[in-house]
Protein backbone atom coordinates (compact mmCIF):
# COMPACT_ATOMS: atom_id res chain seq x y z
CA UNK A 1 406.87 152.41 147.09
CA UNK A 2 405.77 150.00 144.39
CA UNK A 3 407.26 146.28 144.97
CA UNK A 4 407.00 141.80 144.57
CA UNK A 5 404.17 140.63 146.71
CA UNK A 6 404.43 137.20 147.02
CA UNK A 7 406.62 134.06 146.06
CA UNK A 8 404.50 132.98 142.71
CA UNK A 9 407.14 130.03 141.77
CA UNK A 10 410.25 128.30 142.32
CA UNK A 11 412.44 126.77 139.08
CA UNK A 12 415.13 123.58 139.80
CA UNK A 13 417.46 122.18 137.50
CA UNK A 14 417.02 118.13 139.08
CA UNK A 15 418.80 115.48 137.57
CA UNK A 16 417.11 112.49 138.41
CA UNK A 17 412.88 113.99 137.36
CA UNK A 18 411.54 110.17 138.50
CA UNK A 19 412.78 110.45 141.92
CA UNK A 20 411.09 114.14 142.01
CA UNK A 21 408.47 113.13 140.74
CA UNK A 22 407.46 110.64 143.58
CA UNK A 23 409.14 112.79 146.68
CA UNK A 24 406.64 115.71 145.45
CA UNK A 25 403.99 113.78 144.89
CA UNK A 26 404.00 110.83 147.28
CA UNK A 27 405.95 112.30 149.88
CA UNK A 28 405.21 115.93 149.91
CA UNK A 29 401.56 115.81 148.72
CA UNK A 30 401.81 117.83 145.85
CA UNK A 31 400.16 118.00 142.99
CA UNK A 32 401.54 116.34 139.79
CA UNK A 33 400.99 119.44 137.15
CA UNK A 34 401.89 118.57 133.81
CA UNK A 35 404.94 117.69 131.97
CA UNK A 36 406.92 120.35 130.17
CA UNK A 37 409.69 120.05 127.28
CA UNK A 38 412.40 119.49 129.45
CA UNK A 39 410.62 118.03 132.45
CA UNK A 40 406.98 118.41 134.20
CA UNK A 41 405.86 121.34 136.84
CA UNK A 42 404.07 120.77 140.97
CA UNK A 43 400.66 122.37 141.97
CA UNK A 44 400.14 123.06 145.64
CA UNK A 45 397.27 125.06 144.98
CA UNK A 46 394.70 126.17 142.68
CA UNK A 47 397.40 128.07 140.58
CA UNK A 48 399.15 126.10 137.78
CA UNK A 49 402.03 125.33 138.97
CA UNK A 50 404.05 126.54 142.27
CA UNK A 51 407.04 124.89 141.65
CA UNK A 52 409.08 123.49 137.53
CA UNK A 53 411.30 120.99 137.47
CA UNK A 54 413.64 121.19 134.42
CA UNK A 55 416.16 118.04 134.21
CA UNK A 56 419.90 119.37 134.13
CA UNK A 57 422.80 118.97 136.38
CA UNK A 58 422.75 121.82 138.71
CA UNK A 59 420.66 120.12 141.49
CA UNK A 60 419.92 123.73 142.35
CA UNK A 61 417.77 126.80 142.47
CA UNK A 62 418.16 128.51 138.80
CA UNK A 63 415.16 131.07 139.16
CA UNK A 64 412.87 132.57 141.75
CA UNK A 65 409.26 134.06 140.40
CA UNK A 66 407.98 137.19 142.25
CA UNK A 67 404.76 138.57 141.30
CA UNK A 68 403.44 141.69 141.21
CA UNK A 69 400.19 143.38 141.85
CA UNK A 70 399.85 144.98 138.46
CA UNK A 71 401.22 145.94 135.36
CA UNK A 72 402.34 149.26 136.20
CA UNK A 73 403.75 148.48 139.19
CA UNK A 74 405.74 145.85 137.45
CA UNK A 75 406.90 149.07 134.75
CA UNK A 76 407.40 150.94 137.81
CA UNK A 77 409.73 148.24 139.84
CA UNK A 78 411.20 147.41 136.04
CA UNK A 79 412.70 151.14 135.89
CA UNK A 80 413.14 151.42 139.46
CA UNK A 81 416.06 148.56 138.76
CA UNK A 82 416.98 149.95 135.59
CA UNK A 83 417.79 153.57 136.98
CA UNK A 84 420.15 151.47 139.53
CA UNK A 85 421.87 150.35 137.08
CA UNK A 86 420.56 146.47 137.19
CA UNK A 87 419.62 144.92 134.05
CA UNK A 88 416.81 143.80 132.69
CA UNK A 89 415.52 141.52 130.24
CA UNK A 90 411.21 141.42 129.19
CA UNK A 91 410.64 137.77 128.39
CA UNK A 92 409.71 136.96 125.10
CA UNK A 93 406.51 135.11 124.30
CA UNK A 94 407.62 131.50 124.54
CA UNK A 95 408.85 132.41 128.08
CA UNK A 96 405.91 134.10 129.20
CA UNK A 97 403.82 131.03 127.67
CA UNK A 98 406.18 128.57 129.46
CA UNK A 99 405.90 129.92 132.63
CA UNK A 100 402.05 130.31 132.52
CA UNK A 101 402.25 133.86 133.03
CA UNK A 102 400.54 137.26 131.21
CA UNK A 103 404.53 139.82 132.60
CA UNK A 104 407.97 138.58 132.70
CA UNK A 105 410.65 140.50 133.46
CA UNK A 106 414.66 138.88 135.40
CA UNK A 107 417.52 140.67 136.22
CA UNK A 108 419.48 139.18 138.84
CA UNK A 109 420.30 139.61 142.56
CA UNK A 110 423.83 140.81 143.98
CA UNK A 111 424.45 136.77 144.74
CA UNK A 112 423.85 135.59 141.09
CA UNK A 113 420.37 134.09 141.58
CA UNK A 114 417.80 135.07 138.99
CA UNK A 115 414.83 136.45 139.45
CA UNK A 116 411.87 136.39 137.71
CA UNK A 117 409.00 139.46 137.89
CA UNK A 118 406.16 138.69 136.79
CA UNK A 119 402.57 138.91 136.79
CA UNK A 120 399.50 137.50 136.58
CA UNK A 121 400.10 133.87 136.97
CA UNK A 122 397.44 131.46 135.71
CA UNK A 123 395.30 129.33 137.53
CA UNK A 124 394.56 125.79 136.55
CA UNK A 125 391.82 124.70 134.96
CA UNK A 126 391.48 121.80 138.28
CA UNK A 127 391.29 122.73 141.50
CA UNK A 128 394.17 121.77 143.79
CA UNK A 129 393.45 117.76 144.59
CA UNK A 130 396.64 116.03 146.68
CA UNK A 131 394.86 112.15 148.42
CA UNK A 132 397.97 112.69 150.64
CA UNK A 133 395.98 115.54 152.61
CA UNK A 134 394.16 116.25 154.90
CA UNK A 135 393.85 119.87 155.03
CA UNK A 136 395.97 121.80 152.33
CA UNK A 137 398.89 123.74 151.30
CA UNK A 138 399.02 127.30 152.74
CA UNK A 139 398.83 129.85 149.92
CA UNK A 140 397.04 132.92 148.84
CA UNK A 141 398.13 136.18 149.89
CA UNK A 142 401.91 134.36 151.69
CA UNK A 143 402.69 132.93 147.94
CA UNK A 144 404.07 129.66 147.65
CA UNK A 145 406.35 129.63 150.93
CA UNK A 146 409.63 130.83 151.58
CA UNK A 147 412.98 130.35 150.67
CA UNK A 148 416.87 130.48 152.55
CA UNK A 149 419.71 131.19 149.80
CA UNK A 150 422.92 130.86 150.96
CA UNK A 151 425.01 134.42 150.92
CA UNK A 152 427.71 133.36 149.13
CA UNK A 153 430.38 135.75 150.72
CA UNK A 154 428.26 138.72 149.54
CA UNK A 155 428.05 141.46 152.11
CA UNK A 156 423.98 141.97 153.85
CA UNK A 157 424.55 146.03 152.58
CA UNK A 158 424.80 144.88 149.21
CA UNK A 159 421.75 142.63 148.83
CA UNK A 160 419.51 144.01 150.97
CA UNK A 161 420.17 147.17 148.87
CA UNK A 162 418.07 144.99 146.31
CA UNK A 163 416.54 143.01 148.32
CA UNK A 164 415.07 145.78 150.40
CA UNK A 165 415.80 149.44 148.64
CA UNK A 166 414.78 148.46 144.80
CA UNK A 167 412.53 144.75 145.65
CA UNK A 168 410.30 146.46 148.33
CA UNK A 169 411.10 143.69 151.23
CA UNK A 170 410.94 144.37 154.69
CA UNK A 171 413.09 143.34 157.70
CA UNK A 172 411.52 140.79 160.03
CA UNK A 173 414.04 139.54 161.96
CA UNK A 174 417.88 138.51 162.37
CA UNK A 175 419.45 134.97 163.81
CA UNK A 176 422.97 134.61 164.42
CA UNK A 177 424.13 131.41 166.13
CA UNK A 178 427.08 129.99 167.46
CA UNK A 179 426.25 126.48 165.43
CA UNK A 180 429.94 125.08 166.04
CA UNK A 181 432.93 126.19 168.03
CA UNK A 182 433.35 129.56 165.63
CA UNK A 183 430.95 128.60 162.89
CA UNK A 184 428.30 131.16 162.41
CA UNK A 185 424.82 130.71 161.54
CA UNK A 186 423.72 134.32 160.75
CA UNK A 187 420.36 135.01 158.70
CA UNK A 188 418.35 137.56 157.54
CA UNK A 189 414.33 137.01 157.11
CA UNK A 190 412.94 139.22 154.87
CA UNK A 191 408.46 139.36 154.09
CA UNK A 192 406.97 140.91 151.25
CA UNK A 193 403.40 139.94 152.76
CA UNK A 194 401.83 138.80 155.98
CA UNK A 195 404.12 135.58 155.80
CA UNK A 196 407.09 135.75 158.43
CA UNK A 197 409.61 135.36 155.68
CA UNK A 198 409.15 135.04 151.79
CA UNK A 199 412.99 134.91 151.64
CA UNK A 200 415.94 134.48 154.58
CA UNK A 201 420.09 135.35 152.79
CA UNK A 202 423.12 134.76 154.45
CA UNK A 203 426.12 133.00 155.54
CA UNK A 204 425.32 128.99 156.41
CA UNK A 205 428.10 126.13 155.79
CA UNK A 206 426.32 125.19 152.86
CA UNK A 207 427.04 123.89 148.95
CA UNK A 208 424.27 124.93 147.23
CA UNK A 209 421.71 128.11 146.84
CA UNK A 210 419.74 127.31 148.17
CA UNK A 211 419.62 125.81 151.48
CA UNK A 212 415.20 125.00 152.04
CA UNK A 213 412.41 126.20 150.73
CA UNK A 214 409.17 125.53 152.99
CA UNK A 215 406.40 124.31 152.64
CA UNK A 216 403.37 124.57 155.32
CA UNK A 217 400.08 122.35 155.62
CA UNK A 218 396.64 124.16 157.31
CA UNK A 219 396.37 121.16 159.16
CA UNK A 220 399.20 119.76 162.06
CA UNK A 221 398.33 116.27 161.28
CA UNK A 222 399.53 116.37 157.85
CA UNK A 223 403.45 116.99 159.08
CA UNK A 224 403.25 113.83 160.95
CA UNK A 225 402.15 112.59 158.52
CA UNK A 226 404.91 113.44 155.43
CA UNK A 227 407.27 112.82 158.47
CA UNK A 228 406.17 109.23 158.47
CA UNK A 229 405.98 108.85 154.89
CA UNK A 230 409.57 110.14 154.49
CA UNK A 231 410.15 107.69 157.34
CA UNK A 232 409.34 104.24 155.18
CA UNK A 233 410.69 106.10 152.14
CA UNK A 234 413.74 106.11 153.79
CA UNK A 235 414.33 109.58 152.10
CA UNK A 236 417.30 111.46 153.81
CA UNK A 237 416.20 113.93 156.87
CA UNK A 238 417.90 117.12 157.14
CA UNK A 239 416.66 118.15 160.90
CA UNK A 240 414.18 116.46 162.56
CA UNK A 241 410.90 118.00 164.25
CA UNK A 242 411.32 121.16 165.25
CA UNK A 243 409.64 125.24 166.17
CA UNK A 244 411.34 128.56 165.33
CA UNK A 245 411.73 131.03 167.86
CA UNK A 246 411.24 133.41 165.27
CA UNK A 247 407.94 132.46 162.28
CA UNK A 248 406.74 129.49 165.22
CA UNK A 249 406.69 127.51 162.52
CA UNK A 250 406.29 123.57 163.94
CA UNK A 251 408.21 121.70 160.65
CA UNK A 252 410.85 118.99 160.08
CA UNK A 253 413.90 119.51 157.07
CA UNK A 254 413.19 117.04 155.24
CA UNK A 255 416.08 116.41 151.61
CA UNK A 256 415.48 116.24 148.11
CA UNK A 257 416.46 114.14 145.43
CA UNK A 258 419.05 117.22 144.44
CA UNK A 259 420.61 117.52 147.74
CA UNK A 260 418.78 120.93 149.43
CA UNK A 261 416.21 120.85 151.59
CA UNK A 262 412.53 121.17 152.13
CA UNK A 263 410.87 121.88 155.27
CA UNK A 264 406.83 121.11 155.48
CA UNK A 265 405.53 122.92 158.49
CA UNK A 266 402.11 123.90 160.10
CA UNK A 267 401.84 127.44 162.06
CA UNK A 268 403.39 129.74 160.65
CA UNK A 269 403.47 133.49 162.56
CA UNK A 270 401.87 136.12 160.38
CA UNK A 271 403.66 139.31 160.76
CA UNK A 272 401.17 142.70 161.11
CA UNK A 273 403.93 145.29 159.97
CA UNK A 274 402.22 148.01 162.30
CA UNK A 275 402.67 146.47 165.44
CA UNK A 276 405.77 144.38 163.79
CA UNK A 277 409.24 145.11 166.10
CA UNK A 278 412.33 144.10 164.60
CA UNK A 279 414.51 141.95 167.19
CA UNK A 280 417.97 140.07 166.67
CA UNK A 281 417.60 136.00 167.97
CA UNK A 282 420.93 134.14 168.81
CA UNK A 283 419.26 130.91 167.83
CA UNK A 284 417.51 129.15 165.14
CA UNK A 285 415.54 127.06 166.82
CA UNK A 286 413.15 127.05 169.88
CA UNK A 287 413.55 123.35 170.71
CA UNK A 288 414.02 119.76 168.38
CA UNK A 289 415.18 120.21 164.84
CA UNK A 290 418.34 118.20 165.74
CA UNK A 291 420.76 116.98 162.68
CA UNK A 292 419.21 113.55 161.86
CA UNK A 293 422.85 112.16 161.92
CA UNK A 294 423.47 113.42 165.27
CA UNK A 295 419.87 111.65 166.23
CA UNK A 296 420.41 109.03 164.10
CA UNK A 297 424.10 108.02 165.75
CA UNK A 298 423.06 108.96 169.25
CA UNK A 299 419.73 105.82 168.55
CA UNK A 300 422.62 103.90 167.33
CA UNK A 301 424.79 104.09 170.19
CA UNK A 302 421.51 103.61 172.07
CA UNK A 303 420.73 100.64 171.14
CA UNK A 304 424.50 99.08 171.18
CA UNK A 305 424.40 100.13 175.00
C-alpha cells in the first residue's frame, strides 16, 4: 500500500517572529532559510526548509507536510482518501511555490490538523551550515524529526483509521503512565520509516494542538551545548535531560516562544519492521525528564535550607 514516507516540514503560526529567529538559530543551531511574505523559514539540512514560521496569533501548529515517494503513489493515496469520504484539495501554483514542492494535496485529520501531502521538496542552493553545531541534524530517510499531537477528545480508533489505514503509518508502541493521581498520559507512537516514530498522538494535559517537535543531532555534545545556550538565555525548559524507554532518545525539552516545546535529542532508536514487536509500556521516561518547575523548586528549597 502506498503511503507517506517522511515528515517533510512543519508550519507554525507564531506571534513573535524575532523571538523565534533567535530561538531557532542562536539557541537550537538551525540555519535561517529565507524571508517569506509573512514570516521566514528554518533549515536543518540541505533541503530548502524544514520549518515554516508564519506571523499570526495562534502560536501553534497549522500544517504538517508529509512527503510521498512518487507522483504515482501520491495519486493512489489521494484516491484512497477520497474513497474514504475525505475532502482533499489540490494546492495551486502559489501554494506549491510557497512550500517549495512539486505537487501538494491538502486534507484534514480527524482531530482537525491540516495535512499536506507532497512530492519533491526542493533542495537549497547552498549546503546546510550552522556555526553552533559540532555535528549535524539527523534527517535523511527519517525526515525532519517527529511530532507529538494532542487527540483533543477524538477516539484512538478514529485517528488510527486515518494515520494507519489511510496514510500507511505503522504502530511502534504505546505508553500509558499515571503522571499525577488520576491523570494519565496515554500515547501511541507511529512510524513510516526507520525513525522510531514520526508522529505520536494521544491524551495529555496540554492546551496546544502540538505538545512538541523533536529535532535530533548526530553528536551528543551538541545536546549539552544547546542545553547550555538555552540555560544562559533563560529560555524556559519543559523537562530536564533524560531518556525515553521506547525510542531511547537522550534529550531535553525546551519551551518555544509560542509555548509548546522542542525536544532536542541524540541517539534515537531505528526500527526494523522485520523484527520489531509492538509493546505497551507504563512509563514515559527511563530516567530524568523531570518537570523543570519541579527541579527549580527543589533547588530553591535546598538553597534556603
